[in-house]
C-alpha atoms as a PDB file:
ATOM      1  CA  MET A   1     135.654  94.187 114.243  1.00  0.00           C
ATOM      2  CA  PRO A   2     136.674  97.063 116.520  1.00  0.00           C
ATOM      3  CA  SER A   3     137.997  96.108 119.945  1.00  0.00           C
ATOM      4  CA  LEU A   4     135.466  95.665 122.751  1.00  0.00           C
ATOM      5  CA  ASP A   5     135.444  97.900 125.807  1.00  0.00           C
ATOM      6  CA  ALA A   6     135.562  96.579 129.367  1.00  0.00           C
ATOM      7  CA  ARG A   7     131.768  96.236 129.653  1.00  0.00           C
ATOM      8  CA  GLY A   8     131.549  94.278 126.404  1.00  0.00           C
ATOM      9  CA  VAL A   9     134.336  91.946 127.463  1.00  0.00           C
ATOM     10  CA  ALA A  10     132.779  91.584 130.938  1.00  0.00           C
ATOM     11  CA  GLY A  11     129.493  90.509 129.321  1.00  0.00           C
ATOM     12  CA  LEU A  12     131.233  87.868 127.209  1.00  0.00           C
ATOM     13  CA  LEU A  13     133.248  86.695 130.210  1.00  0.00           C
ATOM     14  CA  ARG A  14     130.002  86.314 132.208  1.00  0.00           C
ATOM     15  CA  GLU A  15     128.551  84.251 129.363  1.00  0.00           C
ATOM     16  CA  TYR A  16     131.753  82.178 129.377  1.00  0.00           C
ATOM     17  CA  ALA A  17     131.342  81.692 133.151  1.00  0.00           C
ATOM     18  CA  GLN A  18     127.711  80.590 132.801  1.00  0.00           C
ATOM     19  CA  ARG A  19     128.466  78.176 130.005  1.00  0.00           C
ATOM     20  CA  THR A  20     131.420  76.771 131.956  1.00  0.00           C
ATOM     21  CA  ALA A  21     129.172  76.241 134.993  1.00  0.00           C
ATOM     22  CA  LEU A  22     126.634  74.447 132.813  1.00  0.00           C
ATOM     23  CA  ARG A  23     129.303  72.066 131.605  1.00  0.00           C
ATOM     24  CA  GLY A  24     129.499  70.675 135.111  1.00  0.00           C
ATOM     25  CA  GLY A  25     132.566  69.553 136.986  1.00  0.00           C
ATOM     26  CA  ASN A  26     134.747  71.848 139.046  1.00  0.00           C
ATOM     27  CA  PRO A  27     132.813  75.061 139.857  1.00  0.00           C
ATOM     28  CA  TYR A  28     135.978  77.102 140.528  1.00  0.00           C
ATOM     29  CA  PRO A  29     136.719  78.223 136.925  1.00  0.00           C
ATOM     30  CA  SER A  30     133.187  79.503 136.472  1.00  0.00           C
ATOM     31  CA  LYS A  31     133.372  81.477 139.707  1.00  0.00           C
ATOM     32  CA  ALA A  32     136.786  82.859 138.716  1.00  0.00           C
ATOM     33  CA  TYR A  33     135.445  84.055 135.334  1.00  0.00           C
ATOM     34  CA  SER A  34     132.462  85.693 137.053  1.00  0.00           C
ATOM     35  CA  ARG A  35     134.691  87.437 139.575  1.00  0.00           C
ATOM     36  CA  ALA A  36     136.964  88.693 136.801  1.00  0.00           C
ATOM     37  CA  ALA A  37     133.929  89.916 134.833  1.00  0.00           C
ATOM     38  CA  ASP A  38     132.757  91.905 137.862  1.00  0.00           C
ATOM     39  CA  SER A  39     136.197  93.482 138.182  1.00  0.00           C
ATOM     40  CA  LEU A  40     136.270  94.332 134.466  1.00  0.00           C
ATOM     41  CA  ALA A  41     132.860  95.971 134.634  1.00  0.00           C
ATOM     42  CA  ALA A  42     134.111  98.245 137.426  1.00  0.00           C
ATOM     43  CA  LEU A  43     137.353  99.338 135.727  1.00  0.00           C
ATOM     44  CA  ALA A  44     138.283 103.005 135.983  1.00  0.00           C
ATOM     45  CA  VAL A  45     141.090 102.712 133.392  1.00  0.00           C
ATOM     46  CA  PRO A  46     140.194 101.997 129.732  1.00  0.00           C
ATOM     47  CA  LEU A  47     140.699  98.328 128.898  1.00  0.00           C
ATOM     48  CA  ASP A  48     142.786  99.077 125.795  1.00  0.00           C
ATOM     49  CA  VAL A  49     145.345 100.847 127.994  1.00  0.00           C
ATOM     50  CA  LEU A  50     145.667  97.823 130.300  1.00  0.00           C
ATOM     51  CA  VAL A  51     145.910  95.430 127.341  1.00  0.00           C
ATOM     52  CA  ALA A  52     148.496  97.589 125.532  1.00  0.00           C
ATOM     53  CA  GLU A  53     150.600  97.934 128.693  1.00  0.00           C
ATOM     54  CA  ASP A  54     150.235  94.201 129.533  1.00  0.00           C
ATOM     55  CA  ARG A  55     148.738  95.090 132.943  1.00  0.00           C
ATOM     56  CA  LEU A  56     145.617  92.904 132.949  1.00  0.00           C
ATOM     57  CA  THR A  57     146.892  90.793 135.838  1.00  0.00           C
ATOM     58  CA  GLU A  58     146.708  93.921 138.037  1.00  0.00           C
ATOM     59  CA  ILE A  59     142.906  93.616 137.871  1.00  0.00           C
ATOM     60  CA  PRO A  60     141.521  91.723 140.894  1.00  0.00           C
ATOM     61  CA  GLY A  61     140.638  88.163 139.928  1.00  0.00           C
ATOM     62  CA  VAL A  62     142.608  88.220 136.660  1.00  0.00           C
ATOM     63  CA  GLY A  63     145.571  85.864 136.426  1.00  0.00           C
ATOM     64  CA  ASP A  64     147.579  84.895 133.366  1.00  0.00           C
ATOM     65  CA  ALA A  65     144.985  82.458 131.941  1.00  0.00           C
ATOM     66  CA  ILE A  66     142.062  84.868 132.299  1.00  0.00           C
ATOM     67  CA  ALA A  67     144.237  87.722 130.990  1.00  0.00           C
ATOM     68  CA  ASP A  68     144.778  85.709 127.793  1.00  0.00           C
ATOM     69  CA  ILE A  69     141.028  85.162 127.435  1.00  0.00           C
ATOM     70  CA  VAL A  70     140.291  88.851 128.124  1.00  0.00           C
ATOM     71  CA  THR A  71     142.898  89.937 125.560  1.00  0.00           C
ATOM     72  CA  LYS A  72     141.417  87.725 122.865  1.00  0.00           C
ATOM     73  CA  LEU A  73     137.842  88.825 123.702  1.00  0.00           C
ATOM     74  CA  HIS A  74     138.947  92.480 123.672  1.00  0.00           C
ATOM     75  CA  LYS A  75     140.758  92.236 120.341  1.00  0.00           C
ATOM     76  CA  THR A  76     138.439  89.900 118.422  1.00  0.00           C
ATOM     77  CA  GLY A  77     135.106  89.891 120.257  1.00  0.00           C
ATOM     78  CA  SER A  78     135.305  86.131 120.650  1.00  0.00           C
ATOM     79  CA  HIS A  79     137.366  83.237 121.950  1.00  0.00           C
ATOM     80  CA  PRO A  80     137.661  79.688 120.538  1.00  0.00           C
ATOM     81  CA  SER A  81     136.617  78.130 123.863  1.00  0.00           C
ATOM     82  CA  LEU A  82     133.542  80.370 124.061  1.00  0.00           C
ATOM     83  CA  GLU A  83     132.566  79.445 120.501  1.00  0.00           C
ATOM     84  CA  LYS A  84     132.952  75.754 121.360  1.00  0.00           C
ATOM     85  CA  LEU A  85     130.743  76.192 124.444  1.00  0.00           C
ATOM     86  CA  ARG A  86     128.147  78.044 122.348  1.00  0.00           C
ATOM     87  CA  LYS A  87     127.922  75.003 120.063  1.00  0.00           C
ATOM     88  CA  GLU A  88     127.502  72.665 123.051  1.00  0.00           C
ATOM     89  CA  ILE A  89     124.929  74.680 125.010  1.00  0.00           C
ATOM     90  CA  PRO A  90     122.045  76.570 123.311  1.00  0.00           C
ATOM     91  CA  ALA A  91     121.420  80.193 124.341  1.00  0.00           C
ATOM     92  CA  GLY A  92     117.992  79.291 125.733  1.00  0.00           C
ATOM     93  CA  VAL A  93     119.628  77.113 128.370  1.00  0.00           C
ATOM     94  CA  LEU A  94     121.396  80.211 129.742  1.00  0.00           C
ATOM     95  CA  GLU A  95     118.008  81.918 130.134  1.00  0.00           C
ATOM     96  CA  MET A  96     116.980  79.219 132.587  1.00  0.00           C
ATOM     97  CA  LEU A  97     119.744  80.355 134.958  1.00  0.00           C
ATOM     98  CA  ALA A  98     117.649  83.482 135.605  1.00  0.00           C
ATOM     99  CA  VAL A  99     114.879  81.394 137.189  1.00  0.00           C
ATOM    100  CA  PRO A 100     115.141  81.623 140.983  1.00  0.00           C
ATOM    101  CA  GLY A 101     116.166  78.305 142.496  1.00  0.00           C
ATOM    102  CA  LEU A 102     117.532  76.811 139.275  1.00  0.00           C
ATOM    103  CA  ARG A 103     121.220  76.256 139.844  1.00  0.00           C
ATOM    104  CA  PRO A 104     123.531  75.314 136.952  1.00  0.00           C
ATOM    105  CA  GLU A 105     123.481  71.614 137.875  1.00  0.00           C
ATOM    106  CA  LYS A 106     119.679  71.493 137.715  1.00  0.00           C
ATOM    107  CA  VAL A 107     119.542  73.483 134.468  1.00  0.00           C
ATOM    108  CA  LEU A 108     122.041  71.052 132.978  1.00  0.00           C
ATOM    109  CA  ARG A 109     119.901  68.082 134.065  1.00  0.00           C
ATOM    110  CA  LEU A 110     116.794  69.679 132.551  1.00  0.00           C
ATOM    111  CA  TYR A 111     118.602  70.266 129.288  1.00  0.00           C
ATOM    112  CA  GLN A 112     120.319  66.885 129.074  1.00  0.00           C
ATOM    113  CA  GLY A 113     117.662  64.705 130.656  1.00  0.00           C
ATOM    114  CA  LEU A 114     114.469  66.269 129.349  1.00  0.00           C
ATOM    115  CA  GLY A 115     115.748  68.138 126.314  1.00  0.00           C
ATOM    116  CA  ILE A 116     114.447  71.470 127.619  1.00  0.00           C
ATOM    117  CA  ALA A 117     116.564  74.074 125.828  1.00  0.00           C
ATOM    118  CA  SER A 118     114.522  77.189 126.504  1.00  0.00           C
ATOM    119  CA  LEU A 119     111.827  78.569 128.772  1.00  0.00           C
ATOM    120  CA  ASP A 120     109.951  79.588 125.649  1.00  0.00           C
ATOM    121  CA  VAL A 121     109.740  75.954 124.527  1.00  0.00           C
ATOM    122  CA  ARG A 122     108.823  74.697 128.008  1.00  0.00           C
ATOM    123  CA  HIS A 123     106.216  77.418 128.615  1.00  0.00           C
ATOM    124  CA  PRO A 124     104.860  78.542 125.235  1.00  0.00           C
ATOM    125  CA  GLY A 125     102.566  81.522 125.044  1.00  0.00           C
ATOM    126  CA  TYR A 126     104.366  83.770 127.521  1.00  0.00           C
ATOM    127  CA  GLY A 127     106.872  85.178 125.040  1.00  0.00           C
ATOM    128  CA  PHE A 128     109.934  84.283 127.109  1.00  0.00           C
ATOM    129  CA  ALA A 129     112.050  84.467 123.943  1.00  0.00           C
ATOM    130  CA  ASP A 130     111.077  88.116 123.495  1.00  0.00           C
ATOM    131  CA  HIS A 131     111.866  89.410 126.975  1.00  0.00           C
ATOM    132  CA  LYS A 132     114.688  88.619 129.340  1.00  0.00           C
ATOM    133  CA  GLY A 133     113.444  88.713 132.907  1.00  0.00           C
ATOM    134  CA  TYR A 134     111.377  91.870 132.755  1.00  0.00           C
ATOM    135  CA  PRO A 135     107.805  91.982 131.502  1.00  0.00           C
ATOM    136  CA  VAL A 136     106.544  93.516 128.294  1.00  0.00           C
ATOM    137  CA  PRO A 137     102.856  94.290 127.594  1.00  0.00           C
ATOM    138  CA  ALA A 138     102.346  91.011 125.728  1.00  0.00           C
ATOM    139  CA  HIS A 139     103.669  89.140 128.764  1.00  0.00           C
ATOM    140  CA  TYR A 140     101.165  90.844 131.074  1.00  0.00           C
ATOM    141  CA  GLU A 141      98.427  89.762 128.660  1.00  0.00           C
ATOM    142  CA  ALA A 142      99.747  86.184 128.698  1.00  0.00           C
ATOM    143  CA  LEU A 143      99.770  86.205 132.501  1.00  0.00           C
ATOM    144  CA  ALA A 144      96.144  87.306 132.527  1.00  0.00           C
ATOM    145  CA  ARG A 145      95.203  84.734 129.868  1.00  0.00           C
ATOM    146  CA  LEU A 146      97.306  81.729 130.960  1.00  0.00           C
ATOM    147  CA  GLY A 147      98.068  82.387 134.620  1.00  0.00           C
ATOM    148  CA  ALA A 148     101.535  82.012 136.095  1.00  0.00           C
ATOM    149  CA  CYS A 149     103.864  79.136 135.272  1.00  0.00           C
ATOM    150  CA  ALA A 150     106.711  77.609 137.287  1.00  0.00           C
ATOM    151  CA  ALA A 151     109.195  80.077 135.810  1.00  0.00           C
ATOM    152  CA  HIS A 152     107.471  83.113 137.324  1.00  0.00           C
ATOM    153  CA  ARG A 153     108.657  84.707 140.562  1.00  0.00           C
ATOM    154  CA  ARG A 154     105.864  84.527 143.117  1.00  0.00           C
ATOM    155  CA  SER A 155     106.948  87.858 144.626  1.00  0.00           C
ATOM    156  CA  PHE A 156     106.216  89.804 141.400  1.00  0.00           C
ATOM    157  CA  GLY A 157     102.955  91.764 141.722  1.00  0.00           C
ATOM    158  CA  PRO A 158     101.329  90.762 138.392  1.00  0.00           C
ATOM    159  CA  VAL A 159     102.170  87.106 139.049  1.00  0.00           C
ATOM    160  CA  ARG A 160     100.616  87.300 142.514  1.00  0.00           C
ATOM    161  CA  LYS A 161      97.526  88.844 140.937  1.00  0.00           C
ATOM    162  CA  ALA A 162      97.339  86.103 138.268  1.00  0.00           C
ATOM    163  CA  LEU A 163      97.568  83.470 141.015  1.00  0.00           C
ATOM    164  CA  GLY A 164      94.923  85.195 143.116  1.00  0.00           C
ATOM    165  CA  LEU A 165      97.420  85.911 145.908  1.00  0.00           C
ATOM    166  CA  PRO A 166      97.236  89.099 147.985  1.00  0.00           C
ATOM    167  CA  PRO A 167      99.837  91.791 147.324  1.00  0.00           C
ATOM    168  CA  LEU A 168     102.954  91.698 149.456  1.00  0.00           C
ATOM    169  CA  PRO A 169     103.099  94.275 152.241  1.00  0.00           C
ATOM    170  CA  PRO A 170     105.138  97.365 151.371  1.00  0.00           C
ATOM    171  CA  TRP A 171     108.739  97.572 152.489  1.00  0.00           C
ATOM    172  CA  PRO A 172     109.128  99.495 155.742  1.00  0.00           C
ATOM    173  CA  SER A 173     110.511 102.980 155.400  1.00  0.00           C
ATOM    174  CA  ALA A 174     114.017 103.762 156.665  1.00  0.00           C
ATOM    175  CA  SER A 175     112.614 105.373 159.800  1.00  0.00           C
ATOM    176  CA  GLU A 176     110.413 102.327 160.481  1.00  0.00           C
ATOM    177  CA  ARG A 177     113.414 100.020 160.062  1.00  0.00           C
ATOM    178  CA  ASP A 178     115.561 102.176 162.349  1.00  0.00           C
ATOM    179  CA  ALA A 179     112.823 102.251 164.998  1.00  0.00           C
ATOM    180  CA  GLY A 180     112.415  98.455 164.992  1.00  0.00           C
END
């Protein structure tokens, strides 16, 4: 497998952060992985240069431990700890983190206590497995047919329509905001 670029590694590090948060316990490691992923995604220097020159710890939020993880992700596209977490926590559980108001602790309780491993299983018919937070035509049809479920954002226009709620007022223009 060819080495991953900074964006690819940042994506895997974000997944690692989410899965670590879902494991429970100390929230610091998860936040540290997320912060490092943000820094990686914003790199101006190619990641292979930083890895080759052993300069990863110059990246904000990257210490020795995270540098080791980043190096392995960059070179192999995986990490043993990430693979272990993938076996423990199904991918569908990560999708639930996108639901507003569902923090990792609550998602973990839903998964462990109720066995809910995916929004698609909990709310069949909406096609949650086929789209990741943005609607596709089939989802609009499901909204019209089934109405909104608990996973839908109430501020989204089609959801408001399905619930019979009035549209939200438009955002004020810059000049209206400056005048107020």
